[in-house]
Protein backbone atom coordinates (compact mmCIF):
# COMPACT_ATOMS: atom_id res chain seq x y z
CA MET A 1 0.00 0.00 0.00
CA ALA A 2 1.30 3.45 -0.88
CA GLU A 3 2.18 5.83 1.91
CA PRO A 4 -0.43 8.61 2.22
CA ARG A 5 0.99 11.90 0.93
CA VAL A 6 0.40 13.74 4.21
CA ARG A 7 2.38 11.08 6.11
CA LEU A 8 5.12 11.19 3.51
CA VAL A 9 5.44 14.94 4.03
CA GLY A 10 5.38 14.46 7.81
CA ARG A 11 8.04 11.75 7.58
CA VAL A 12 10.30 13.85 5.35
CA LEU A 13 9.95 16.86 7.67
CA LEU A 14 10.70 14.65 10.68
CA GLY A 15 13.81 13.26 8.99
CA LEU A 16 15.02 16.74 8.06
CA PHE A 17 14.28 18.04 11.58
CA LEU A 18 16.21 15.21 13.25
CA THR A 19 19.14 15.53 10.86
CA ALA A 20 19.35 19.31 11.34
CA ALA A 21 19.06 18.97 15.12
CA GLY A 22 21.88 16.44 15.08
CA VAL A 23 24.10 18.75 13.05
CA THR A 24 23.49 21.58 15.53
CA HIS A 25 24.63 19.25 18.34
CA LEU A 26 27.99 18.99 16.61
CA GLY A 27 28.48 22.66 15.93
CA PRO A 28 26.51 25.85 16.40
CA LEU A 29 24.46 24.89 19.48
CA ARG A 30 26.83 22.43 21.11
CA VAL A 31 27.27 24.53 24.26
CA GLU A 32 23.52 25.10 24.55
CA PHE A 33 22.84 21.36 24.41
CA ARG A 34 25.26 20.79 27.31
CA GLY A 35 22.71 22.64 29.46
CA GLN A 36 20.36 19.68 29.10
CA VAL A 37 22.79 17.10 30.43
CA PRO A 38 22.22 16.70 34.18
CA SER A 39 25.25 17.55 36.30
CA TRP A 40 24.86 14.23 38.12
CA PHE A 41 24.99 12.22 34.86
CA PRO A 42 28.17 10.10 35.03
CA VAL A 43 29.32 10.85 31.45
CA ASP A 44 31.03 14.01 30.21
CA ALA A 45 28.33 16.45 29.01
CA ASP A 46 30.19 17.28 25.80
CA LEU A 47 30.48 13.59 24.91
CA VAL A 48 26.74 13.11 25.54
CA VAL A 49 25.95 16.03 23.25
CA LEU A 50 28.24 14.74 20.49
CA VAL A 51 26.94 11.16 20.67
CA SER A 52 23.30 12.26 20.78
CA GLY A 53 23.96 14.51 17.78
CA VAL A 54 25.37 11.63 15.77
CA VAL A 55 22.43 9.45 16.82
CA GLU A 56 19.98 12.14 15.69
CA ILE A 57 21.70 12.44 12.32
CA VAL A 58 21.59 8.67 11.83
CA LEU A 59 17.94 8.53 12.89
CA GLY A 60 17.03 11.45 10.63
CA LEU A 61 18.69 9.80 7.66
CA ALA A 62 17.02 6.49 8.52
CA VAL A 63 13.62 8.19 8.59
CA LEU A 64 14.34 9.66 5.16
CA LEU A 65 15.96 6.66 3.48
CA LEU A 66 14.70 3.43 5.03
CA ARG A 67 11.13 3.45 3.74
CA SER A 68 10.79 -0.31 3.96
CA ARG A 69 11.72 -0.18 7.66
CA ARG A 70 9.95 3.08 8.50
CA ARG A 71 7.84 1.59 11.32
CA VAL A 72 10.86 0.11 13.06
CA VAL A 73 12.70 3.40 12.63
CA GLY A 74 9.66 5.26 14.00
CA VAL A 75 9.70 3.16 17.17
CA VAL A 76 13.45 3.73 17.58
CA VAL A 77 13.00 7.49 17.09
CA ALA A 78 10.18 7.54 19.64
CA LEU A 79 12.32 5.61 22.15
CA PHE A 80 15.21 8.02 21.57
CA LEU A 81 12.91 10.98 22.23
CA VAL A 82 11.70 9.31 25.43
CA ALA A 83 15.33 8.67 26.45
CA VAL A 84 16.35 12.32 26.08
CA PHE A 85 13.26 13.69 27.84
CA PRO A 86 14.91 13.56 31.30
CA GLY A 87 17.41 16.14 30.02
CA ASN A 88 14.54 18.51 29.22
CA LEU A 89 12.98 17.80 32.61
CA TRP A 90 16.30 18.37 34.37
CA GLN A 91 16.74 21.68 32.56
CA TYR A 92 13.35 22.77 33.94
CA LEU A 93 13.88 21.47 37.49
CA ASP A 94 17.35 22.99 37.82
CA GLY A 95 16.43 26.21 36.02
CA VAL A 96 19.25 25.94 33.49
CA PRO A 97 18.93 28.57 30.76
CA ALA A 98 19.55 27.33 27.22
CA PHE A 99 17.98 27.89 23.79
CA GLY A 100 16.46 31.16 24.97
CA LEU A 101 14.50 29.34 27.67
CA ASP A 102 15.47 31.76 30.39
CA ASP A 103 12.48 31.40 32.70
CA ASP A 104 10.63 28.52 34.32
CA GLY A 105 7.46 29.14 32.30
CA ALA A 106 9.29 28.76 28.99
CA ARG A 107 11.12 25.64 30.20
CA LEU A 108 7.86 24.13 31.47
CA THR A 109 6.10 24.84 28.18
CA ARG A 110 8.89 23.08 26.31
CA LEU A 111 8.24 19.90 28.27
CA PHE A 112 4.84 19.57 26.60
CA PHE A 113 6.39 19.53 23.13
CA GLN A 114 8.38 16.32 23.67
CA PRO A 115 5.25 14.11 23.75
CA LEU A 116 4.12 15.84 20.55
CA LEU A 117 7.45 14.99 18.92
CA ILE A 118 7.03 11.38 20.01
CA LEU A 119 3.53 11.25 18.54
CA TRP A 120 4.82 12.90 15.36
CA ALA A 121 7.50 10.21 15.01
CA LEU A 122 4.96 7.43 15.52
CA TRP A 123 2.39 8.98 13.19
CA ALA A 124 4.77 10.00 10.38
CA THR A 125 6.30 6.54 10.22
CA GLY A 126 2.93 4.76 10.21
CA VAL A 127 3.32 3.18 13.64
CA TRP A 128 0.33 4.96 15.13
CA PRO A 129 -2.33 4.82 14.07
CA PRO A 130 -1.41 2.01 11.71
CA VAL A 131 -2.03 2.57 8.04
CA ARG A 132 -4.72 0.20 6.89
CA ALA A 133 -5.68 -0.79 3.40
CA ARG A 134 -9.04 0.62 2.40
CA GLN A 135 -11.71 -1.99 2.01
CA PRO A 136 -13.92 -1.67 -1.03
CA VAL A 137 -17.41 -0.49 -0.19
CA ALA A 138 -19.94 -3.21 -0.87
CA ALA A 139 -22.87 -2.27 -3.06
CA SER A 140 -26.24 -2.15 -1.32
CA PRO A 141 -28.74 -4.85 -2.40
């Protein structure tokens, strides 16, 4: 069954978004992303930012290129977004300014966007709701 056009557009945008976010981890916003790594996390913050950036690039490219595995990729992307959510939560709880989120209200609002990203990943890759083949409508007797 062909992928619905609106999902295709959503999937391409998701792939581009993830790839671009990953690139910014490696360069222009690297310092900002360190603000999301909890101080108690036992791995160097810069290493976490670099590795997560590479993972985002790989996931973004997978979303764009692995059409035959898009549902598996969608689940992996959703799990990745769940895994990085504690960094967003920590940024809010500790009041760490980054990305222009300089007050608690802005940081709190950002927390509500992560579930939307997760839903976007699941929807755009056809995981949820599943894409079903249309059944032909039976003629009335």
